[in-house]
C-alpha atoms as a PDB file:
ATOM      1  CA  MET A   1       0.000   0.000   0.000  1.00  0.00           C
ATOM      2  CA  ALA A   2       2.918   2.366   0.775  1.00  0.00           C
ATOM      3  CA  ASN A   3       4.361   1.733  -2.697  1.00  0.00           C
ATOM      4  CA  ASP A   4       1.011   2.625  -4.248  1.00  0.00           C
ATOM      5  CA  GLU A   5       0.899   5.922  -2.375  1.00  0.00           C
ATOM      6  CA  ALA A   6       4.511   6.658  -3.331  1.00  0.00           C
ATOM      7  CA  SER A   7       3.625   5.904  -6.944  1.00  0.00           C
ATOM      8  CA  LEU A   8       0.629   8.219  -6.731  1.00  0.00           C
ATOM      9  CA  VAL A   9       2.720  11.012  -5.205  1.00  0.00           C
ATOM     10  CA  LYS A  10       5.290  10.520  -7.974  1.00  0.00           C
ATOM     11  CA  ARG A  11       2.600  10.702 -10.667  1.00  0.00           C
ATOM     12  CA  ILE A  12       1.166  13.885  -9.118  1.00  0.00           C
ATOM     13  CA  ALA A  13       4.640  15.454  -9.013  1.00  0.00           C
ATOM     14  CA  GLY A  14       5.163  14.492 -12.661  1.00  0.00           C
ATOM     15  CA  LEU A  15       1.882  16.102 -13.686  1.00  0.00           C
ATOM     16  CA  ASN A  16       2.761  19.245 -11.727  1.00  0.00           C
ATOM     17  CA  GLU A  17       6.082  19.419 -13.599  1.00  0.00           C
ATOM     18  CA  GLU A  18       4.348  18.867 -16.933  1.00  0.00           C
ATOM     19  CA  LEU A  19       1.800  21.554 -16.088  1.00  0.00           C
ATOM     20  CA  ALA A  20       4.540  24.064 -15.235  1.00  0.00           C
ATOM     21  CA  SER A  21       6.342  23.235 -18.484  1.00  0.00           C
ATOM     22  CA  LEU A  22       3.160  23.641 -20.535  1.00  0.00           C
ATOM     23  CA  GLU A  23       2.383  26.974 -18.916  1.00  0.00           C
ATOM     24  CA  LYS A  24       5.944  28.165 -19.643  1.00  0.00           C
ATOM     25  CA  SER A  25       5.599  27.054 -23.287  1.00  0.00           C
ATOM     26  CA  GLU A  26       2.316  28.925 -23.530  1.00  0.00           C
ATOM     27  CA  GLN A  27       3.943  32.104 -22.194  1.00  0.00           C
ATOM     28  CA  GLN A  28       6.768  31.780 -24.736  1.00  0.00           C
ATOM     29  CA  ALA A  29       4.267  31.298 -27.568  1.00  0.00           C
ATOM     30  CA  LEU A  30       2.293  34.350 -26.428  1.00  0.00           C
ATOM     31  CA  ALA A  31       5.476  36.432 -26.305  1.00  0.00           C
ATOM     32  CA  GLU A  32       6.338  35.359 -29.840  1.00  0.00           C
ATOM     33  CA  LEU A  33       2.821  36.242 -30.952  1.00  0.00           C
ATOM     34  CA  GLY A  34       3.178  39.714 -29.444  1.00  0.00           C
ATOM     35  CA  ARG A  35       6.571  40.325 -31.091  1.00  0.00           C
ATOM     36  CA  THR A  36       5.206  39.233 -34.447  1.00  0.00           C
ATOM     37  CA  LEU A  37       2.100  41.383 -34.241  1.00  0.00           C
ATOM     38  CA  LEU A  38       4.124  44.462 -33.230  1.00  0.00           C
ATOM     39  CA  PHE A  39       6.202  44.055 -36.365  1.00  0.00           C
ATOM     40  CA  VAL A  40       3.062  43.924 -38.531  1.00  0.00           C
ATOM     41  CA  ALA A  41       1.433  46.855 -36.737  1.00  0.00           C
ATOM     42  CA  ASP A  42       4.293  49.226 -37.651  1.00  0.00           C
ATOM     43  CA  GLU A  43       3.133  49.369 -41.263  1.00  0.00           C
ATOM     44  CA  MET A  44      -0.312  48.945 -42.707  1.00  0.00           C
ATOM     45  CA  GLU A  45       0.616  47.729 -46.180  1.00  0.00           C
ATOM     46  CA  LEU A  46       1.484  44.073 -46.195  1.00  0.00           C
ATOM     47  CA  ASP A  47       4.646  43.012 -47.931  1.00  0.00           C
ATOM     48  CA  ASP A  48       6.028  39.482 -48.095  1.00  0.00           C
ATOM     49  CA  ASN A  49       7.764  39.765 -44.717  1.00  0.00           C
ATOM     50  CA  GLN A  50       4.585  40.981 -43.063  1.00  0.00           C
ATOM     51  CA  ARG A  51       2.612  38.169 -44.609  1.00  0.00           C
ATOM     52  CA  LYS A  52       5.213  35.765 -43.241  1.00  0.00           C
ATOM     53  CA  SER A  53       4.928  37.497 -39.865  1.00  0.00           C
ATOM     54  CA  LEU A  54       1.155  37.146 -39.920  1.00  0.00           C
ATOM     55  CA  SER A  55       1.564  33.498 -40.781  1.00  0.00           C
ATOM     56  CA  ALA A  56       3.994  33.113 -37.861  1.00  0.00           C
ATOM     57  CA  ALA A  57       1.514  34.957 -35.632  1.00  0.00           C
ATOM     58  CA  GLN A  58      -1.206  32.519 -36.678  1.00  0.00           C
ATOM     59  CA  GLU A  59       1.079  29.575 -35.872  1.00  0.00           C
ATOM     60  CA  ALA A  60       1.901  31.108 -32.478  1.00  0.00           C
ATOM     61  CA  TYR A  61      -1.793  31.670 -31.794  1.00  0.00           C
ATOM     62  CA  ASP A  62      -2.549  28.051 -32.720  1.00  0.00           C
ATOM     63  CA  ALA A  63       0.305  26.890 -30.476  1.00  0.00           C
ATOM     64  CA  CYS A  64      -1.199  28.891 -27.605  1.00  0.00           C
ATOM     65  CA  GLY A  65      -4.549  27.224 -28.160  1.00  0.00           C
ATOM     66  CA  ASN A  66      -2.905  23.809 -28.168  1.00  0.00           C
ATOM     67  CA  MET A  67      -0.962  24.648 -24.988  1.00  0.00           C
ATOM     68  CA  ARG A  68      -4.146  25.846 -23.261  1.00  0.00           C
ATOM     69  CA  ALA A  69      -5.890  22.589 -24.203  1.00  0.00           C
ATOM     70  CA  ARG A  70      -2.969  20.508 -22.912  1.00  0.00           C
ATOM     71  CA  ILE A  71      -2.839  22.612 -19.729  1.00  0.00           C
ATOM     72  CA  ALA A  72      -6.553  21.992 -19.164  1.00  0.00           C
ATOM     73  CA  GLU A  73      -6.032  18.241 -19.700  1.00  0.00           C
ATOM     74  CA  ALA A  74      -3.077  18.192 -17.287  1.00  0.00           C
ATOM     75  CA  LYS A  75      -5.034  20.128 -14.655  1.00  0.00           C
ATOM     76  CA  PHE A  76      -7.951  17.709 -15.008  1.00  0.00           C
ATOM     77  CA  ALA A  77      -5.647  14.682 -14.705  1.00  0.00           C
ATOM     78  CA  LEU A  78      -3.930  16.259 -11.712  1.00  0.00           C
ATOM     79  CA  GLU A  79      -7.247  16.878  -9.976  1.00  0.00           C
ATOM     80  CA  GLU A  80      -8.295  13.278 -10.641  1.00  0.00           C
ATOM     81  CA  LEU A  81      -5.043  11.990  -9.120  1.00  0.00           C
ATOM     82  CA  GLU A  82      -5.308  14.259  -6.089  1.00  0.00           C
ATOM     83  CA  GLN A  83      -8.912  13.161  -5.555  1.00  0.00           C
ATOM     84  CA  ALA A  84      -7.878   9.524  -5.874  1.00  0.00           C
ATOM     85  CA  LYS A  85      -5.119  10.102  -3.335  1.00  0.00           C
ATOM     86  CA  ARG A  86      -7.642  11.545  -0.883  1.00  0.00           C
ATOM     87  CA  GLN A  87     -10.059   8.650  -1.431  1.00  0.00           C
ATOM     88  CA  GLY A  88      -7.514   5.837  -1.430  1.00  0.00           C
ATOM     89  CA  PRO A  89      -7.186   2.950  -3.853  1.00  0.00           C
ATOM     90  CA  ARG A  90     -10.068   1.392  -5.737  1.00  0.00           C
ATOM     91  CA  VAL A  91     -10.605  -2.329  -6.087  1.00  0.00           C
ATOM     92  CA  CYS A  92     -11.830  -4.064  -9.223  1.00  0.00           C
ATOM     93  CA  PRO A  93     -15.341  -5.374  -8.523  1.00  0.00           C
ATOM     94  CA  LYS A  94     -14.661  -8.378 -10.796  1.00  0.00           C
ATOM     95  CA  CYS A  95     -11.293  -9.714  -9.621  1.00  0.00           C
ATOM     96  CA  HIS A  96     -10.536  -7.546  -6.552  1.00  0.00           C
ATOM     97  CA  ALA A  97      -7.179  -6.336  -7.893  1.00  0.00           C
ATOM     98  CA  GLU A  98      -6.171  -2.846  -6.827  1.00  0.00           C
ATOM     99  CA  ILE A  99      -6.691  -0.182  -9.494  1.00  0.00           C
ATOM    100  CA  LEU A 100      -4.359   2.797  -9.375  1.00  0.00           C
ATOM    101  CA  PRO A 101      -5.322   6.285 -10.539  1.00  0.00           C
ATOM    102  CA  GLY A 102      -4.633   6.642 -14.234  1.00  0.00           C
ATOM    103  CA  ASP A 103      -4.973   2.910 -14.956  1.00  0.00           C
ATOM    104  CA  VAL A 104      -6.985   2.342 -18.124  1.00  0.00           C
ATOM    105  CA  PHE A 105      -7.300  -1.428 -17.663  1.00  0.00           C
ATOM    106  CA  CYS A 106      -7.478  -3.597 -14.564  1.00  0.00           C
ATOM    107  CA  THR A 107      -4.144  -5.339 -14.051  1.00  0.00           C
ATOM    108  CA  GLY A 108      -5.908  -8.392 -12.637  1.00  0.00           C
ATOM    109  CA  CYS A 109      -8.554  -9.192 -15.232  1.00  0.00           C
ATOM    110  CA  GLY A 110      -7.913  -6.769 -18.095  1.00  0.00           C
ATOM    111  CA  THR A 111     -11.337  -5.128 -17.945  1.00  0.00           C
ATOM    112  CA  LYS A 112     -11.417  -1.534 -19.097  1.00  0.00           C
ATOM    113  CA  VAL A 113     -11.686   0.618 -15.952  1.00  0.00           C
ATOM    114  CA  SER A 114     -14.287   2.920 -17.513  1.00  0.00           C
ATOM    115  CA  ASP A 115     -16.536  -0.150 -18.017  1.00  0.00           C
ATOM    116  CA  LEU A 116     -16.395  -1.145 -14.341  1.00  0.00           C
ATOM    117  CA  GLU A 117     -19.040  -0.150 -11.821  1.00  0.00           C
ATOM    118  CA  PHE A 118     -17.551   0.662  -8.436  1.00  0.00           C
ATOM    119  CA  PRO A 119     -19.707   0.594  -5.300  1.00  0.00           C
ATOM    120  CA  ALA A 120     -20.095   4.207  -4.176  1.00  0.00           C
ATOM    121  CA  GLU A 121     -20.218   3.481  -0.472  1.00  0.00           C
ATOM    122  CA  ALA A 122     -17.290   1.039  -0.230  1.00  0.00           C
ATOM    123  CA  ALA A 123     -14.699   2.082   2.334  1.00  0.00           C
ATOM    124  CA  GLY A 124     -11.811   0.408   0.612  1.00  0.00           C
ATOM    125  CA  ALA A 125     -10.230  -2.975   0.240  1.00  0.00           C
ATOM    126  CA  CYS A 126      -9.176  -5.801   2.484  1.00  0.00           C
ATOM    127  CA  PRO A 127      -5.414  -5.550   3.002  1.00  0.00           C
ATOM    128  CA  GLN A 128      -5.092  -9.317   2.518  1.00  0.00           C
ATOM    129  CA  CYS A 129      -7.319 -10.312  -0.421  1.00  0.00           C
ATOM    130  CA  LYS A 130      -8.218  -6.854  -1.813  1.00  0.00           C
ATOM    131  CA  SER A 131     -11.966  -7.571  -1.658  1.00  0.00           C
ATOM    132  CA  PRO A 132     -14.206  -4.508  -1.241  1.00  0.00           C
ATOM    133  CA  VAL A 133     -15.085  -3.801   2.394  1.00  0.00           C
ATOM    134  CA  GLU A 134     -17.532  -1.421   4.057  1.00  0.00           C
ATOM    135  CA  PRO A 135     -16.610   1.158   6.728  1.00  0.00           C
ATOM    136  CA  ASP A 136     -18.409  -0.689   9.544  1.00  0.00           C
ATOM    137  CA  MET A 137     -16.900  -4.118   8.843  1.00  0.00           C
ATOM    138  CA  LYS A 138     -14.503  -5.546  11.422  1.00  0.00           C
ATOM    139  CA  PHE A 139     -13.509  -8.591   9.349  1.00  0.00           C
ATOM    140  CA  CYS A 140     -13.253  -9.236   5.616  1.00  0.00           C
ATOM    141  CA  PRO A 141     -16.231 -11.310   4.412  1.00  0.00           C
ATOM    142  CA  LYS A 142     -14.054 -13.141   1.853  1.00  0.00           C
ATOM    143  CA  CYS A 143     -10.970 -14.142   3.816  1.00  0.00           C
ATOM    144  CA  GLY A 144     -11.692 -13.260   7.455  1.00  0.00           C
ATOM    145  CA  THR A 145      -8.792 -10.846   7.874  1.00  0.00           C
ATOM    146  CA  SER A 146      -9.277  -8.350  10.705  1.00  0.00           C
ATOM    147  CA  LEU A 147     -10.000  -4.866   9.403  1.00  0.00           C
ATOM    148  CA  CYS A 148      -9.427  -3.194  12.791  1.00  0.00           C
ATOM    149  CA  ALA A 149      -6.261  -1.110  13.034  1.00  0.00           C
ATOM    150  CA  ASN A 150      -5.408  -2.368  16.546  1.00  0.00           C
ATOM    151  CA  SER A 151      -5.923  -6.095  15.898  1.00  0.00           C
END
């Protein structure tokens, strides 16, 4: 379980780094857009260089849009990971294997995670057999392992 949390923390840190990098790239693209547009604004008649500058400005604008979309995706993924960290691990309702945040398929049975239905009220998983357990359970119904912290 400690390795899973360390893995989750590592994935969150990686997404934070990616997010910072994307935001920096967006700022660089915006700066390039501004420099290009200032060049064009100096003269109203468009010569070949200005047309090239406008084309470069369009590319920079498109790059900014792409960066904003990637930033939004990274922020969404980061929020999902942070929420998963707060909630703890999920357990596959079919095979009881632990499913980590970001997993697309269950590592135990290969079922696509988006196709699985997770019980909303489950407290977590048995530390022994990984079966779903409820908050008020003292013993795992599958293997009998004590679920009390002081046992």
